[in-house]
């Protein structure tokens, strides 16, 4: 096992516990500020399309206090050039072998030693891009789904406090039901 693959060598933010907090109306403005910064930092790479996704993008929804953003990137070959711009301002690249999701390139912005922002870079035509938007928009238009999802997230965060991956996986059934129109 390489040093990078050994959890003992990971930074504290990589293994911080799952914490779901009450909705914060400031999340939307924070996302817009981050998107504006990213557009400026990455304009030389023609990366302009960003979306605020995840629970912090849904008014009134309890969430982990981490802003989730998606951006479209033309090529995985640009990661080194992206790192030159993002690393100096607090972003950390999580390589695909650690992230475990080949469809994206994942970045974590750390503030005060904790995750503050996630950036999911995806190539054009990635199906998960549209799924993220559809799920976000479904919840934005259905307060009943927001309430049900909040209750589920709080329960799962309690059950999986020290296992972020299990917490994420446990939400899958609810997300798929929403996307399939079964909820």
C-alpha atoms as a PDB file:
ATOM      1  CA  UNK A   1       0.000   0.000   0.000  1.00  0.00           C
ATOM      2  CA  UNK A   2       1.396   3.417  -0.918  1.00  0.00           C
ATOM      3  CA  UNK A   3       1.593   6.129   1.704  1.00  0.00           C
ATOM      4  CA  UNK A   4      -1.200   8.005  -0.057  1.00  0.00           C
ATOM      5  CA  UNK A   5      -3.507   4.969   0.160  1.00  0.00           C
ATOM      6  CA  UNK A   6      -2.885   4.507   3.902  1.00  0.00           C
ATOM      7  CA  UNK A   7      -5.613   6.255   5.955  1.00  0.00           C
ATOM      8  CA  UNK A   8      -3.062   6.923   8.717  1.00  0.00           C
ATOM      9  CA  UNK A   9      -1.348   9.349   6.334  1.00  0.00           C
ATOM     10  CA  UNK A  10      -4.507  11.193   5.308  1.00  0.00           C
ATOM     11  CA  UNK A  11      -5.183  14.743   6.482  1.00  0.00           C
ATOM     12  CA  UNK A  12      -7.783  15.181   9.244  1.00  0.00           C
ATOM     13  CA  UNK A  13     -10.381  16.578   6.805  1.00  0.00           C
ATOM     14  CA  UNK A  14     -10.297  13.320   4.821  1.00  0.00           C
ATOM     15  CA  UNK A  15     -11.730  11.348   7.726  1.00  0.00           C
ATOM     16  CA  UNK A  16     -13.768  13.940   9.612  1.00  0.00           C
ATOM     17  CA  UNK A  17     -17.084  12.660  10.990  1.00  0.00           C
ATOM     18  CA  UNK A  18     -20.386  13.114   9.182  1.00  0.00           C
ATOM     19  CA  UNK A  19     -22.236  16.094  10.651  1.00  0.00           C
ATOM     20  CA  UNK A  20     -25.632  17.254   9.397  1.00  0.00           C
ATOM     21  CA  UNK A  21     -26.674  20.743  10.494  1.00  0.00           C
ATOM     22  CA  UNK A  22     -29.789  22.857  10.026  1.00  0.00           C
ATOM     23  CA  UNK A  23     -30.235  24.684   6.730  1.00  0.00           C
ATOM     24  CA  UNK A  24     -28.249  27.892   6.354  1.00  0.00           C
ATOM     25  CA  UNK A  25     -29.615  30.566   3.991  1.00  0.00           C
ATOM     26  CA  UNK A  26     -26.029  31.827   3.475  1.00  0.00           C
ATOM     27  CA  UNK A  27     -25.041  28.634   1.603  1.00  0.00           C
ATOM     28  CA  UNK A  28     -26.394  29.945  -1.682  1.00  0.00           C
ATOM     29  CA  UNK A  29     -24.340  33.147  -1.510  1.00  0.00           C
ATOM     30  CA  UNK A  30     -21.260  31.160  -0.454  1.00  0.00           C
ATOM     31  CA  UNK A  31     -21.705  28.914  -3.496  1.00  0.00           C
ATOM     32  CA  UNK A  32     -21.974  31.917  -5.807  1.00  0.00           C
ATOM     33  CA  UNK A  33     -18.765  33.392  -4.349  1.00  0.00           C
ATOM     34  CA  UNK A  34     -16.931  30.103  -4.836  1.00  0.00           C
ATOM     35  CA  UNK A  35     -18.216  29.784  -8.405  1.00  0.00           C
ATOM     36  CA  UNK A  36     -17.077  33.334  -9.199  1.00  0.00           C
ATOM     37  CA  UNK A  37     -13.601  32.530  -7.844  1.00  0.00           C
ATOM     38  CA  UNK A  38     -13.436  29.270  -9.798  1.00  0.00           C
ATOM     39  CA  UNK A  39     -14.473  30.990 -13.023  1.00  0.00           C
ATOM     40  CA  UNK A  40     -11.707  33.520 -12.557  1.00  0.00           C
ATOM     41  CA  UNK A  41      -9.068  30.957 -11.564  1.00  0.00           C
ATOM     42  CA  UNK A  42      -9.916  28.529 -14.371  1.00  0.00           C
ATOM     43  CA  UNK A  43     -10.874  30.881 -17.200  1.00  0.00           C
ATOM     44  CA  UNK A  44      -7.588  30.177 -19.020  1.00  0.00           C
ATOM     45  CA  UNK A  45      -8.710  26.529 -19.314  1.00  0.00           C
ATOM     46  CA  UNK A  46     -12.116  27.473 -20.719  1.00  0.00           C
ATOM     47  CA  UNK A  47     -13.921  26.092 -17.660  1.00  0.00           C
ATOM     48  CA  UNK A  48     -16.975  28.300 -17.262  1.00  0.00           C
ATOM     49  CA  UNK A  49     -19.943  26.015 -16.488  1.00  0.00           C
ATOM     50  CA  UNK A  50     -20.573  25.468 -12.788  1.00  0.00           C
ATOM     51  CA  UNK A  51     -23.617  24.401 -10.787  1.00  0.00           C
ATOM     52  CA  UNK A  52     -24.378  24.490  -7.070  1.00  0.00           C
ATOM     53  CA  UNK A  53     -25.629  20.982  -6.256  1.00  0.00           C
ATOM     54  CA  UNK A  54     -26.139  18.781  -3.231  1.00  0.00           C
ATOM     55  CA  UNK A  55     -28.075  19.493  -0.098  1.00  0.00           C
ATOM     56  CA  UNK A  56     -26.701  22.998   0.446  1.00  0.00           C
ATOM     57  CA  UNK A  57     -28.304  23.997  -2.882  1.00  0.00           C
ATOM     58  CA  UNK A  58     -31.814  23.198  -1.603  1.00  0.00           C
ATOM     59  CA  UNK A  59     -33.420  25.897   0.552  1.00  0.00           C
ATOM     60  CA  UNK A  60     -34.542  24.610   3.954  1.00  0.00           C
ATOM     61  CA  UNK A  61     -32.676  21.287   3.759  1.00  0.00           C
ATOM     62  CA  UNK A  62     -30.434  20.131   6.580  1.00  0.00           C
ATOM     63  CA  UNK A  63     -26.996  19.264   5.243  1.00  0.00           C
ATOM     64  CA  UNK A  64     -23.359  18.643   5.924  1.00  0.00           C
ATOM     65  CA  UNK A  65     -22.022  22.232   5.955  1.00  0.00           C
ATOM     66  CA  UNK A  66     -20.029  21.639   2.762  1.00  0.00           C
ATOM     67  CA  UNK A  67     -20.877  23.437  -0.477  1.00  0.00           C
ATOM     68  CA  UNK A  68     -21.026  21.012  -3.422  1.00  0.00           C
ATOM     69  CA  UNK A  69     -20.222  22.402  -6.855  1.00  0.00           C
ATOM     70  CA  UNK A  70     -19.998  20.767 -10.261  1.00  0.00           C
ATOM     71  CA  UNK A  71     -17.913  22.043 -13.140  1.00  0.00           C
ATOM     72  CA  UNK A  72     -17.512  20.877 -16.720  1.00  0.00           C
ATOM     73  CA  UNK A  73     -13.979  20.122 -17.858  1.00  0.00           C
ATOM     74  CA  UNK A  74     -13.014  19.039 -21.360  1.00  0.00           C
ATOM     75  CA  UNK A  75     -10.218  16.646 -20.436  1.00  0.00           C
ATOM     76  CA  UNK A  76      -8.769  14.804 -17.458  1.00  0.00           C
ATOM     77  CA  UNK A  77      -5.393  15.856 -18.846  1.00  0.00           C
ATOM     78  CA  UNK A  78      -5.983  19.351 -17.437  1.00  0.00           C
ATOM     79  CA  UNK A  79      -5.768  18.285 -13.750  1.00  0.00           C
ATOM     80  CA  UNK A  80      -2.141  19.355 -13.363  1.00  0.00           C
ATOM     81  CA  UNK A  81      -2.872  22.800 -14.810  1.00  0.00           C
ATOM     82  CA  UNK A  82      -5.996  23.058 -12.651  1.00  0.00           C
ATOM     83  CA  UNK A  83      -3.924  22.143  -9.574  1.00  0.00           C
ATOM     84  CA  UNK A  84      -1.518  25.009 -10.325  1.00  0.00           C
ATOM     85  CA  UNK A  85      -4.440  27.408  -9.887  1.00  0.00           C
ATOM     86  CA  UNK A  86      -6.451  25.679  -7.137  1.00  0.00           C
ATOM     87  CA  UNK A  87      -3.821  24.336  -4.736  1.00  0.00           C
ATOM     88  CA  UNK A  88      -2.513  27.775  -3.679  1.00  0.00           C
ATOM     89  CA  UNK A  89      -6.021  28.818  -2.564  1.00  0.00           C
ATOM     90  CA  UNK A  90      -6.785  25.802  -0.364  1.00  0.00           C
ATOM     91  CA  UNK A  91      -8.031  23.163  -2.810  1.00  0.00           C
ATOM     92  CA  UNK A  92      -6.874  19.543  -2.523  1.00  0.00           C
ATOM     93  CA  UNK A  93      -7.098  17.036  -5.356  1.00  0.00           C
ATOM     94  CA  UNK A  94      -8.407  13.579  -4.468  1.00  0.00           C
ATOM     95  CA  UNK A  95      -7.058  11.233  -7.145  1.00  0.00           C
ATOM     96  CA  UNK A  96      -9.522   8.787  -8.748  1.00  0.00           C
ATOM     97  CA  UNK A  97      -7.868   5.791  -7.101  1.00  0.00           C
ATOM     98  CA  UNK A  98      -8.759   7.293  -3.704  1.00  0.00           C
ATOM     99  CA  UNK A  99     -12.071   8.816  -4.748  1.00  0.00           C
ATOM    100  CA  UNK A 100     -13.296   5.603  -6.348  1.00  0.00           C
ATOM    101  CA  UNK A 101     -15.465   7.407  -8.910  1.00  0.00           C
ATOM    102  CA  UNK A 102     -13.994   7.299 -12.393  1.00  0.00           C
ATOM    103  CA  UNK A 103     -16.679   9.577 -13.855  1.00  0.00           C
ATOM    104  CA  UNK A 104     -15.353  12.662 -12.039  1.00  0.00           C
ATOM    105  CA  UNK A 105     -12.267  14.382 -10.744  1.00  0.00           C
ATOM    106  CA  UNK A 106     -12.786  15.467  -7.163  1.00  0.00           C
ATOM    107  CA  UNK A 107     -11.401  18.470  -5.309  1.00  0.00           C
ATOM    108  CA  UNK A 108     -11.882  19.476  -1.678  1.00  0.00           C
ATOM    109  CA  UNK A 109     -11.417  23.038  -0.446  1.00  0.00           C
ATOM    110  CA  UNK A 110     -10.326  23.110   3.157  1.00  0.00           C
ATOM    111  CA  UNK A 111     -10.911  26.007   5.542  1.00  0.00           C
ATOM    112  CA  UNK A 112      -9.838  25.918   9.184  1.00  0.00           C
ATOM    113  CA  UNK A 113      -8.846  22.275   8.807  1.00  0.00           C
ATOM    114  CA  UNK A 114     -12.301  21.127   7.654  1.00  0.00           C
ATOM    115  CA  UNK A 115     -13.972  20.481   4.329  1.00  0.00           C
ATOM    116  CA  UNK A 116     -15.718  23.635   3.150  1.00  0.00           C
ATOM    117  CA  UNK A 117     -16.365  23.044  -0.554  1.00  0.00           C
ATOM    118  CA  UNK A 118     -16.386  20.041  -2.876  1.00  0.00           C
ATOM    119  CA  UNK A 119     -15.780  20.448  -6.594  1.00  0.00           C
ATOM    120  CA  UNK A 120     -16.907  17.597  -8.831  1.00  0.00           C
ATOM    121  CA  UNK A 121     -15.339  18.087 -12.267  1.00  0.00           C
ATOM    122  CA  UNK A 122     -17.046  16.121 -15.023  1.00  0.00           C
ATOM    123  CA  UNK A 123     -16.618  15.884 -18.746  1.00  0.00           C
ATOM    124  CA  UNK A 124     -19.397  16.983 -21.126  1.00  0.00           C
ATOM    125  CA  UNK A 125     -22.152  14.416 -21.629  1.00  0.00           C
ATOM    126  CA  UNK A 126     -21.562  12.736 -18.250  1.00  0.00           C
ATOM    127  CA  UNK A 127     -24.968  11.320 -17.266  1.00  0.00           C
ATOM    128  CA  UNK A 128     -24.398  12.040 -13.575  1.00  0.00           C
ATOM    129  CA  UNK A 129     -24.324  15.766 -14.359  1.00  0.00           C
ATOM    130  CA  UNK A 130     -27.959  15.684 -15.447  1.00  0.00           C
ATOM    131  CA  UNK A 131     -28.940  13.395 -12.569  1.00  0.00           C
ATOM    132  CA  UNK A 132     -27.509  15.843 -10.044  1.00  0.00           C
ATOM    133  CA  UNK A 133     -29.462  18.707 -11.591  1.00  0.00           C
ATOM    134  CA  UNK A 134     -32.701  16.674 -11.802  1.00  0.00           C
ATOM    135  CA  UNK A 135     -32.454  15.599  -8.156  1.00  0.00           C
ATOM    136  CA  UNK A 136     -31.687  19.140  -6.966  1.00  0.00           C
ATOM    137  CA  UNK A 137     -34.552  20.620  -8.966  1.00  0.00           C
ATOM    138  CA  UNK A 138     -37.012  17.930  -7.811  1.00  0.00           C
ATOM    139  CA  UNK A 139     -36.282  18.757  -4.176  1.00  0.00           C
ATOM    140  CA  UNK A 140     -36.393  22.493  -4.802  1.00  0.00           C
ATOM    141  CA  UNK A 141     -39.945  22.090  -6.118  1.00  0.00           C
ATOM    142  CA  UNK A 142     -41.235  19.610  -3.501  1.00  0.00           C
ATOM    143  CA  UNK A 143     -41.190  20.611   0.193  1.00  0.00           C
ATOM    144  CA  UNK A 144     -42.472  17.124   1.101  1.00  0.00           C
ATOM    145  CA  UNK A 145     -39.309  15.591  -0.373  1.00  0.00           C
ATOM    146  CA  UNK A 146     -37.130  18.120   1.463  1.00  0.00           C
ATOM    147  CA  UNK A 147     -38.706  17.110   4.772  1.00  0.00           C
ATOM    148  CA  UNK A 148     -38.358  13.365   4.084  1.00  0.00           C
ATOM    149  CA  UNK A 149     -34.779  13.713   2.866  1.00  0.00           C
ATOM    150  CA  UNK A 150     -33.791  15.834   5.877  1.00  0.00           C
ATOM    151  CA  UNK A 151     -35.159  13.209   8.259  1.00  0.00           C
ATOM    152  CA  UNK A 152     -33.312  10.443   6.405  1.00  0.00           C
ATOM    153  CA  UNK A 153     -30.030  12.383   6.335  1.00  0.00           C
ATOM    154  CA  UNK A 154     -30.140  13.118  10.065  1.00  0.00           C
ATOM    155  CA  UNK A 155     -30.849   9.447  10.846  1.00  0.00           C
ATOM    156  CA  UNK A 156     -28.103   8.198   8.513  1.00  0.00           C
ATOM    157  CA  UNK A 157     -25.567  10.723   9.808  1.00  0.00           C
ATOM    158  CA  UNK A 158     -26.206   9.436  13.326  1.00  0.00           C
ATOM    159  CA  UNK A 159     -25.858   5.799  12.191  1.00  0.00           C
ATOM    160  CA  UNK A 160     -22.764   6.421  10.039  1.00  0.00           C
ATOM    161  CA  UNK A 161     -21.016   9.241  11.876  1.00  0.00           C
ATOM    162  CA  UNK A 162     -17.534   7.852  11.220  1.00  0.00           C
ATOM    163  CA  UNK A 163     -18.147   6.401   7.753  1.00  0.00           C
ATOM    164  CA  UNK A 164     -18.753   8.981   5.033  1.00  0.00           C
ATOM    165  CA  UNK A 165     -18.960   6.372   2.281  1.00  0.00           C
ATOM    166  CA  UNK A 166     -21.658   4.348   4.089  1.00  0.00           C
ATOM    167  CA  UNK A 167     -23.589   7.550   4.770  1.00  0.00           C
ATOM    168  CA  UNK A 168     -23.490   8.436   1.068  1.00  0.00           C
ATOM    169  CA  UNK A 169     -24.383   4.922  -0.070  1.00  0.00           C
ATOM    170  CA  UNK A 170     -27.325   4.719   2.347  1.00  0.00           C
ATOM    171  CA  UNK A 171     -28.950   7.753   0.654  1.00  0.00           C
ATOM    172  CA  UNK A 172     -28.911   6.090  -2.782  1.00  0.00           C
ATOM    173  CA  UNK A 173     -32.307   4.392  -2.596  1.00  0.00           C
ATOM    174  CA  UNK A 174     -34.077   7.663  -1.744  1.00  0.00           C
ATOM    175  CA  UNK A 175     -32.259   9.518  -4.545  1.00  0.00           C
ATOM    176  CA  UNK A 176     -33.114   6.851  -7.117  1.00  0.00           C
ATOM    177  CA  UNK A 177     -36.780   6.875  -6.080  1.00  0.00           C
ATOM    178  CA  UNK A 178     -36.904  10.631  -6.583  1.00  0.00           C
ATOM    179  CA  UNK A 179     -35.163  10.391  -9.964  1.00  0.00           C
ATOM    180  CA  UNK A 180     -37.462   7.561 -11.072  1.00  0.00           C
ATOM    181  CA  UNK A 181     -40.591   9.487 -10.009  1.00  0.00           C
ATOM    182  CA  UNK A 182     -41.484   6.918  -7.332  1.00  0.00           C
ATOM    183  CA  UNK A 183     -41.585   9.554  -4.600  1.00  0.00           C
END
